[in-house]
Amino acid sequence: MEYLRLDEAVEGEQVERVGRFKASRDMAKVERRLKQLADACRGGHNVMPVLVDAVKDYVSLGEVSDVYRQVFGLYREPIIF
């Protein structure tokens, strides 16, 4: 069976590209948006408007996920037999 093979250099290029992108962001805005998101989650408010603003300020999916994990915890499906 054939599968997609990527040149290992592509990984390095992507890591470098993401690093440059994250370095170019306004970290004060990113931190403010993450705090707003955490406050909305804790307060039981609609997070979508805050989330949209966060994405516009280049907050990453991983950073958003970290906030969700900090506020709500990590979901573990109960094992039922």
N, C-alpha and C. Protein backbone atom coordinates (compact mmCIF):
# COMPACT_ATOMS: atom_id res chain seq x y z
N MET A 1 0.84 -1.16 0.00
CA MET A 1 0.00 0.00 0.00
C MET A 1 0.90 1.25 0.00
N GLU A 2 0.60 2.16 -0.86
CA GLU A 2 1.37 3.39 -0.92
C GLU A 2 0.76 4.42 0.00
N TYR A 3 1.59 5.22 0.61
CA TYR A 3 1.13 6.31 1.45
C TYR A 3 2.01 7.52 1.20
N LEU A 4 1.51 8.64 1.62
CA LEU A 4 2.22 9.89 1.37
C LEU A 4 3.51 9.94 2.17
N ARG A 5 4.59 10.20 1.48
CA ARG A 5 5.89 10.38 2.13
C ARG A 5 6.32 11.82 1.92
N LEU A 6 6.66 12.45 3.01
CA LEU A 6 7.13 13.83 2.95
C LEU A 6 8.61 13.89 3.26
N ASP A 7 9.26 14.79 2.60
CA ASP A 7 10.67 15.02 2.86
C ASP A 7 10.82 15.55 4.29
N GLU A 8 11.78 15.05 5.03
CA GLU A 8 11.97 15.48 6.42
C GLU A 8 12.30 16.96 6.53
N ALA A 9 12.81 17.55 5.48
CA ALA A 9 13.12 18.98 5.49
C ALA A 9 11.86 19.81 5.62
N VAL A 10 10.73 19.27 5.16
CA VAL A 10 9.46 19.99 5.23
C VAL A 10 9.09 20.24 6.70
N GLU A 11 9.33 19.26 7.55
CA GLU A 11 9.03 19.44 8.97
C GLU A 11 9.82 20.61 9.56
N GLY A 12 11.09 20.64 9.29
CA GLY A 12 11.93 21.72 9.80
C GLY A 12 11.48 23.08 9.30
N GLU A 13 11.11 23.13 8.02
CA GLU A 13 10.63 24.39 7.44
C GLU A 13 9.35 24.85 8.12
N GLN A 14 8.44 23.93 8.37
CA GLN A 14 7.17 24.27 9.01
C GLN A 14 7.37 24.73 10.45
N VAL A 15 8.25 24.05 11.18
CA VAL A 15 8.53 24.43 12.57
C VAL A 15 9.13 25.84 12.59
N GLU A 16 10.03 26.10 11.67
CA GLU A 16 10.65 27.43 11.59
C GLU A 16 9.60 28.49 11.21
N ARG A 17 8.74 28.16 10.28
CA ARG A 17 7.70 29.08 9.83
C ARG A 17 6.74 29.43 10.97
N VAL A 18 6.30 28.42 11.72
CA VAL A 18 5.40 28.65 12.85
C VAL A 18 6.12 29.48 13.92
N GLY A 19 7.38 29.20 14.15
CA GLY A 19 8.15 29.96 15.13
C GLY A 19 8.24 31.44 14.75
N ARG A 20 8.49 31.71 13.49
CA ARG A 20 8.55 33.11 13.02
C ARG A 20 7.19 33.78 13.16
N PHE A 21 6.13 33.04 12.81
CA PHE A 21 4.78 33.58 12.91
C PHE A 21 4.44 33.94 14.36
N LYS A 22 4.70 33.02 15.28
CA LYS A 22 4.39 33.27 16.68
C LYS A 22 5.24 34.42 17.24
N ALA A 23 6.47 34.54 16.78
CA ALA A 23 7.33 35.63 17.25
C ALA A 23 6.85 36.99 16.75
N SER A 24 6.13 37.00 15.65
CA SER A 24 5.66 38.27 15.07
C SER A 24 4.35 38.76 15.69
N ARG A 25 3.71 37.92 16.53
CA ARG A 25 2.44 38.32 17.13
C ARG A 25 2.65 39.34 18.23
N ASP A 26 1.60 40.10 18.52
CA ASP A 26 1.60 41.01 19.65
C ASP A 26 1.21 40.18 20.88
N MET A 27 2.20 39.81 21.67
CA MET A 27 1.96 38.90 22.79
C MET A 27 1.07 39.52 23.87
N ALA A 28 1.05 40.83 23.98
CA ALA A 28 0.16 41.47 24.95
C ALA A 28 -1.30 41.21 24.55
N LYS A 29 -1.59 41.27 23.25
CA LYS A 29 -2.95 40.99 22.77
C LYS A 29 -3.29 39.52 22.98
N VAL A 30 -2.34 38.65 22.66
CA VAL A 30 -2.56 37.21 22.82
C VAL A 30 -2.88 36.88 24.27
N GLU A 31 -2.07 37.38 25.19
CA GLU A 31 -2.30 37.10 26.61
C GLU A 31 -3.63 37.67 27.09
N ARG A 32 -3.97 38.87 26.62
CA ARG A 32 -5.25 39.48 27.00
C ARG A 32 -6.42 38.63 26.51
N ARG A 33 -6.33 38.16 25.27
CA ARG A 33 -7.41 37.32 24.72
C ARG A 33 -7.52 35.99 25.46
N LEU A 34 -6.39 35.40 25.82
CA LEU A 34 -6.43 34.14 26.56
C LEU A 34 -7.06 34.35 27.94
N LYS A 35 -6.77 35.47 28.58
CA LYS A 35 -7.37 35.77 29.88
C LYS A 35 -8.88 35.99 29.72
N GLN A 36 -9.28 36.72 28.68
CA GLN A 36 -10.70 36.94 28.42
C GLN A 36 -11.42 35.62 28.18
N LEU A 37 -10.79 34.72 27.45
CA LEU A 37 -11.38 33.42 27.18
C LEU A 37 -11.53 32.62 28.47
N ALA A 38 -10.50 32.61 29.29
CA ALA A 38 -10.57 31.89 30.57
C ALA A 38 -11.67 32.48 31.46
N ASP A 39 -11.78 33.81 31.50
CA ASP A 39 -12.82 34.45 32.31
C ASP A 39 -14.21 34.09 31.80
N ALA A 40 -14.39 34.07 30.48
CA ALA A 40 -15.68 33.71 29.90
C ALA A 40 -16.04 32.27 30.23
N CYS A 41 -15.05 31.38 30.17
CA CYS A 41 -15.29 29.97 30.50
C CYS A 41 -15.68 29.82 31.97
N ARG A 42 -14.94 30.47 32.84
CA ARG A 42 -15.23 30.36 34.27
C ARG A 42 -16.58 30.98 34.63
N GLY A 43 -16.96 32.05 33.92
CA GLY A 43 -18.21 32.74 34.21
C GLY A 43 -19.42 32.12 33.56
N GLY A 44 -19.22 31.10 32.76
CA GLY A 44 -20.34 30.45 32.10
C GLY A 44 -20.93 31.28 30.97
N HIS A 45 -20.15 32.17 30.41
CA HIS A 45 -20.62 33.04 29.34
C HIS A 45 -20.40 32.40 27.97
N ASN A 46 -21.00 32.99 26.97
CA ASN A 46 -20.80 32.55 25.60
C ASN A 46 -19.35 32.84 25.21
N VAL A 47 -18.60 31.82 24.89
CA VAL A 47 -17.18 32.00 24.57
C VAL A 47 -16.94 32.33 23.10
N MET A 48 -17.95 32.15 22.25
CA MET A 48 -17.72 32.33 20.82
C MET A 48 -17.26 33.73 20.45
N PRO A 49 -17.89 34.82 20.94
CA PRO A 49 -17.37 36.14 20.57
C PRO A 49 -15.92 36.36 21.02
N VAL A 50 -15.58 35.88 22.21
CA VAL A 50 -14.22 36.01 22.71
C VAL A 50 -13.27 35.17 21.86
N LEU A 51 -13.71 33.99 21.50
CA LEU A 51 -12.90 33.10 20.69
C LEU A 51 -12.63 33.69 19.31
N VAL A 52 -13.64 34.29 18.70
CA VAL A 52 -13.45 34.92 17.39
C VAL A 52 -12.43 36.05 17.48
N ASP A 53 -12.55 36.87 18.51
CA ASP A 53 -11.57 37.95 18.70
C ASP A 53 -10.17 37.39 18.94
N ALA A 54 -10.08 36.30 19.68
CA ALA A 54 -8.78 35.69 19.96
C ALA A 54 -8.12 35.20 18.67
N VAL A 55 -8.90 34.56 17.83
CA VAL A 55 -8.35 34.05 16.56
C VAL A 55 -7.91 35.21 15.67
N LYS A 56 -8.66 36.31 15.70
CA LYS A 56 -8.27 37.48 14.91
C LYS A 56 -6.94 38.06 15.39
N ASP A 57 -6.63 37.86 16.66
CA ASP A 57 -5.35 38.31 17.21
C ASP A 57 -4.30 37.19 17.19
N TYR A 58 -4.56 36.15 16.40
CA TYR A 58 -3.61 35.07 16.13
C TYR A 58 -3.31 34.17 17.33
N VAL A 59 -4.29 33.97 18.17
CA VAL A 59 -4.16 32.97 19.23
C VAL A 59 -4.28 31.60 18.57
N SER A 60 -3.41 30.69 18.91
CA SER A 60 -3.40 29.38 18.25
C SER A 60 -4.41 28.42 18.87
N LEU A 61 -4.74 27.40 18.12
CA LEU A 61 -5.66 26.36 18.60
C LEU A 61 -5.09 25.69 19.85
N GLY A 62 -3.80 25.47 19.88
CA GLY A 62 -3.17 24.86 21.06
C GLY A 62 -3.30 25.73 22.29
N GLU A 63 -3.16 27.04 22.11
CA GLU A 63 -3.30 27.95 23.25
C GLU A 63 -4.74 27.98 23.75
N VAL A 64 -5.70 27.96 22.83
CA VAL A 64 -7.11 27.92 23.22
C VAL A 64 -7.40 26.60 23.96
N SER A 65 -6.87 25.51 23.43
CA SER A 65 -7.08 24.20 24.06
C SER A 65 -6.48 24.16 25.46
N ASP A 66 -5.33 24.80 25.64
CA ASP A 66 -4.71 24.86 26.97
C ASP A 66 -5.62 25.57 27.95
N VAL A 67 -6.27 26.66 27.52
CA VAL A 67 -7.20 27.38 28.39
C VAL A 67 -8.37 26.47 28.76
N TYR A 68 -8.92 25.79 27.78
CA TYR A 68 -10.05 24.89 28.06
C TYR A 68 -9.64 23.80 29.06
N ARG A 69 -8.45 23.24 28.88
CA ARG A 69 -7.99 22.20 29.80
C ARG A 69 -7.78 22.75 31.21
N GLN A 70 -7.25 23.97 31.31
CA GLN A 70 -7.02 24.57 32.62
C GLN A 70 -8.34 24.84 33.34
N VAL A 71 -9.34 25.32 32.61
CA VAL A 71 -10.62 25.70 33.22
C VAL A 71 -11.50 24.47 33.45
N PHE A 72 -11.65 23.63 32.44
CA PHE A 72 -12.60 22.52 32.50
C PHE A 72 -11.97 21.18 32.86
N GLY A 73 -10.67 21.10 32.77
CA GLY A 73 -10.00 19.82 33.01
C GLY A 73 -9.96 18.98 31.74
N LEU A 74 -9.37 17.84 31.86
CA LEU A 74 -9.24 16.93 30.71
C LEU A 74 -10.33 15.88 30.82
N TYR A 75 -11.12 15.74 29.78
CA TYR A 75 -12.23 14.78 29.79
C TYR A 75 -11.69 13.37 29.63
N ARG A 76 -12.14 12.52 30.48
CA ARG A 76 -11.83 11.08 30.38
C ARG A 76 -13.15 10.34 30.32
N GLU A 77 -13.35 9.64 29.24
CA GLU A 77 -14.60 8.89 29.09
C GLU A 77 -14.63 7.78 30.13
N PRO A 78 -15.74 7.70 30.88
CA PRO A 78 -15.82 6.62 31.88
C PRO A 78 -15.89 5.25 31.21
N ILE A 79 -15.19 4.33 31.79
CA ILE A 79 -15.20 2.96 31.28
C ILE A 79 -16.33 2.22 31.97
N ILE A 80 -17.26 1.74 31.17
CA ILE A 80 -18.43 1.03 31.72
C ILE A 80 -18.47 -0.36 31.11
N PHE A 81 -18.57 -1.35 31.97
CA PHE A 81 -18.68 -2.73 31.48
C PHE A 81 -20.05 -3.25 31.71
